[in-house]
Structure formats: C-alpha cells, structure tokens
C-alpha cells in the first residue's frame, strides 16, 4: 500500500500556510525590491570582498571554512523572483567547537566542493537565501550548468569527463 495517495493540488486548503499579518510583497514592498540583475551585481561585489563561507560539521563537532572561488547566477525562467546560484568552494580549515573535536571527515586543503542554492524574494520584499533544497525547473538546469562552465565556476577534468573534484579518484592532480 503506497504511503502517499494522489491528490489534486487545486483541492488543497493552503490557508494555514499563509500568515494574514504578513501579505506577499505588493505595492511599496514590491516597489523597493531590487531587480534580480541589481541584486546579482551587488552580491558579486559583496562576495568579492567577503569570499568566506562557513558550514557546520555534519556531526556538529565544529565549523568548516571554505573560500568561494567562483559563483554563477541564473534567474529562474518560471519565477523572476528566484535566483539560482552554483558556487565553487575550496576547503580552507576546520575550527573545532570544543578542544579535541575532530571533523566528521578529513578534507584536504585544496578540495573543491560545489554548492547549489537560491535566493528568493521574501514576503517583506527582500532577497533571502533559500533555506530548503533548491528546486530547479528542468529547462533551467542545463542553461545554469552551461553558464557555469562558460564562466569557469564548474570545472572539468583535464579529459573533459565531467565535474572535477580535487582529491577524487577521477582527479589527475596530485595532492600536496
């Protein structure tokens, strides 16, 4: 027996998810929201000055610090108030939350990770980092990846066999 049953989306009552005190951006709030292009330009300038990204260790033993090497932005075709972003990050260091804590996995100093995320206009009319997994329309995935390759965000192996990950078994680069 399936856990989920098929439901007609139009029959769902979504009113409990809408806060009547905080309407969606309209009028003044929407008028003050920067355009996607202006936001992207500002974010590029900010990230050039502040390239550091921190991420909690999966076991909460401390914080991993990464340097943002490149980022590619793409305005979602079906929602102009959503900007997809693909970042190339290089691991820098681990800072334990308590003395003696070890990271859940060891990373090398030149290890590359990719982060896929998004910014979206909030109900207050501000651009916010999306806190959930990025959902991407099928027609936007290839253009985002193509753009990331053109801009140098998404690297390929020397033989063009796909994404390059330093230290992976597919890598031809030697570890330091």
Protein backbone atom coordinates (compact mmCIF):
# COMPACT_ATOMS: atom_id res chain seq x y z
CA UNK A 1 0.00 0.00 0.00
CA UNK A 2 1.52 3.35 -1.02
CA UNK A 3 2.32 5.83 1.72
CA UNK A 4 1.19 8.80 -0.36
CA UNK A 5 -2.02 8.99 -2.27
CA UNK A 6 -2.56 11.01 -5.39
CA UNK A 7 -4.06 14.41 -4.56
CA UNK A 8 -5.45 17.09 -6.80
CA UNK A 9 -3.34 20.19 -5.93
CA UNK A 10 -6.31 22.50 -6.60
CA UNK A 11 -8.32 20.76 -3.87
CA UNK A 12 -5.76 21.52 -1.13
CA UNK A 13 -6.53 24.16 1.50
CA UNK A 14 -3.25 26.06 1.87
CA UNK A 15 -4.66 28.87 4.01
CA UNK A 16 -2.87 27.60 7.12
CA UNK A 17 0.47 28.28 5.40
CA UNK A 18 -0.34 31.94 4.72
CA UNK A 19 0.14 34.47 7.51
CA UNK A 20 -2.58 37.08 7.08
CA UNK A 21 -0.48 39.62 9.01
CA UNK A 22 2.36 39.33 6.50
CA UNK A 23 0.99 39.63 2.98
CA UNK A 24 3.03 38.77 -0.07
CA UNK A 25 5.04 41.72 -1.44
CA UNK A 26 2.81 44.15 -3.25
CA UNK A 27 2.73 47.88 -3.54
CA UNK A 28 5.50 49.61 -1.56
CA UNK A 29 7.33 46.42 -0.54
CA UNK A 30 7.46 45.14 -4.11
CA UNK A 31 8.49 48.58 -5.39
CA UNK A 32 11.55 48.61 -3.08
CA UNK A 33 12.73 45.12 -4.03
CA UNK A 34 15.90 45.39 -6.14
CA UNK A 35 15.70 43.76 -9.55
CA UNK A 36 17.32 40.37 -9.93
CA UNK A 37 20.09 41.93 -12.04
CA UNK A 38 20.79 44.62 -9.40
CA UNK A 39 20.80 42.01 -6.64
CA UNK A 40 23.21 39.76 -8.57
CA UNK A 41 25.55 42.69 -9.21
CA UNK A 42 25.54 43.64 -5.52
CA UNK A 43 26.05 40.04 -4.41
CA UNK A 44 29.03 39.64 -6.76
CA UNK A 45 30.63 42.76 -5.23
CA UNK A 46 29.95 41.54 -1.68
CA UNK A 47 31.31 38.07 -2.33
CA UNK A 48 34.44 39.52 -3.95
CA UNK A 49 35.13 41.41 -0.69
CA UNK A 50 33.98 38.62 1.62
CA UNK A 51 34.68 35.24 -0.02
CA UNK A 52 34.41 33.10 3.14
CA UNK A 53 31.67 30.52 3.62
CA UNK A 54 31.23 28.58 6.83
CA UNK A 55 29.37 25.33 7.25
CA UNK A 56 28.62 23.31 10.36
CA UNK A 57 30.25 19.92 10.55
CA UNK A 58 27.63 17.21 9.96
CA UNK A 59 28.20 15.86 13.50
CA UNK A 60 28.31 19.40 14.94
CA UNK A 61 31.94 18.96 16.01
CA UNK A 62 32.85 22.40 14.70
CA UNK A 63 32.84 24.59 11.61
CA UNK A 64 34.36 24.06 8.18
CA UNK A 65 35.58 27.21 6.42
CA UNK A 66 35.57 27.41 2.63
CA UNK A 67 36.74 30.09 0.21
CA UNK A 68 34.28 30.93 -2.55
CA UNK A 69 36.33 30.72 -5.75
CA UNK A 70 33.53 31.34 -8.25
CA UNK A 71 29.75 31.69 -8.47
CA UNK A 72 27.27 31.56 -11.33
CA UNK A 73 23.83 33.16 -11.04
CA UNK A 74 20.76 32.35 -13.14
CA UNK A 75 17.31 33.92 -12.85
CA UNK A 76 14.74 31.12 -12.87
CA UNK A 77 12.72 31.17 -16.10
CA UNK A 78 9.38 30.46 -14.41
CA UNK A 79 9.90 32.83 -11.44
CA UNK A 80 11.76 36.14 -11.89
CA UNK A 81 11.85 36.48 -8.08
CA UNK A 82 14.11 33.44 -7.69
CA UNK A 83 17.83 33.39 -8.48
CA UNK A 84 19.65 30.07 -8.71
CA UNK A 85 23.32 30.07 -7.76
CA UNK A 86 26.08 27.49 -8.25
CA UNK A 87 29.20 28.13 -6.16
CA UNK A 88 32.64 26.53 -6.35
CA UNK A 89 34.16 26.38 -2.86
CA UNK A 90 37.65 25.35 -1.78
CA UNK A 91 38.04 23.92 1.71
CA UNK A 92 40.32 26.01 3.93
CA UNK A 93 40.16 24.85 7.55
CA UNK A 94 38.20 23.20 10.34
CA UNK A 95 37.59 25.03 13.62
CA UNK A 96 36.51 22.65 16.42
CA UNK A 97 33.62 23.71 18.66
CA UNK A 98 35.43 22.20 21.67
CA UNK A 99 39.08 21.28 22.23
CA UNK A 100 39.83 17.83 20.86
CA UNK A 101 36.85 17.70 18.48
CA UNK A 102 37.66 16.21 15.10
CA UNK A 103 35.80 16.80 11.82
CA UNK A 104 33.39 14.06 10.74
CA UNK A 105 35.51 13.66 7.62
CA UNK A 106 39.01 14.84 6.79
CA UNK A 107 39.32 17.20 3.87
CA UNK A 108 42.45 18.28 2.03
CA UNK A 109 43.45 21.93 1.72
CA UNK A 110 42.69 22.05 -1.99
CA UNK A 111 39.47 20.01 -2.01
CA UNK A 112 36.73 21.52 -4.15
CA UNK A 113 33.04 21.35 -3.25
CA UNK A 114 30.08 22.74 -5.19
CA UNK A 115 27.08 24.30 -3.50
CA UNK A 116 23.77 24.75 -5.31
CA UNK A 117 21.39 27.21 -3.73
CA UNK A 118 18.98 30.02 -4.43
CA UNK A 119 17.83 33.46 -3.36
CA UNK A 120 14.15 34.31 -3.34
CA UNK A 121 12.09 37.43 -2.64
CA UNK A 122 10.52 37.14 0.81
CA UNK A 123 7.09 38.33 1.85
CA UNK A 124 8.70 41.55 3.06
CA UNK A 125 10.12 42.22 -0.41
CA UNK A 126 13.76 41.37 0.42
CA UNK A 127 16.05 38.87 -1.26
CA UNK A 128 16.72 35.92 1.10
CA UNK A 129 18.97 32.89 0.87
CA UNK A 130 16.74 29.84 0.36
CA UNK A 131 16.81 27.59 3.41
CA UNK A 132 15.50 24.49 1.67
CA UNK A 133 16.84 22.28 -1.10
CA UNK A 134 16.90 24.10 -4.43
CA UNK A 135 14.12 23.04 -6.79
CA UNK A 136 15.05 23.81 -10.40
CA UNK A 137 12.78 23.61 -13.44
CA UNK A 138 14.15 21.12 -15.96
CA UNK A 139 14.52 23.85 -18.58
CA UNK A 140 16.84 25.86 -16.27
CA UNK A 141 19.28 23.10 -15.26
CA UNK A 142 21.29 22.81 -18.49
CA UNK A 143 21.46 26.60 -19.05
CA UNK A 144 22.73 27.03 -15.46
CA UNK A 145 25.37 24.31 -15.91
CA UNK A 146 26.39 25.64 -19.36
CA UNK A 147 26.72 29.16 -17.96
CA UNK A 148 28.75 27.81 -15.01
CA UNK A 149 31.12 26.05 -17.42
CA UNK A 150 31.49 29.19 -19.57
CA UNK A 151 32.19 31.37 -16.51
CA UNK A 152 34.67 28.85 -15.08
CA UNK A 153 32.62 28.05 -11.97
CA UNK A 154 32.11 24.41 -12.94
CA UNK A 155 35.45 22.81 -13.70
CA UNK A 156 36.03 19.69 -15.77
CA UNK A 157 38.71 17.04 -15.60
CA UNK A 158 41.64 17.50 -18.00
CA UNK A 159 39.93 14.98 -20.30
CA UNK A 160 36.52 16.69 -20.15
CA UNK A 161 34.94 13.78 -18.30
CA UNK A 162 32.71 15.85 -16.03
CA UNK A 163 32.97 17.80 -12.82
CA UNK A 164 36.42 17.93 -11.28
CA UNK A 165 36.75 17.26 -7.59
CA UNK A 166 40.20 17.67 -6.17
CA UNK A 167 41.32 14.53 -4.42
CA UNK A 168 38.66 12.35 -6.03
CA UNK A 169 39.58 9.11 -7.74
CA UNK A 170 38.90 10.82 -11.09
CA UNK A 171 41.36 13.61 -10.42
CA UNK A 172 44.69 13.65 -12.22
CA UNK A 173 46.07 16.42 -9.97
CA UNK A 174 48.48 15.34 -7.28
CA UNK A 175 47.75 16.11 -3.65
CA UNK A 176 50.14 18.35 -1.79
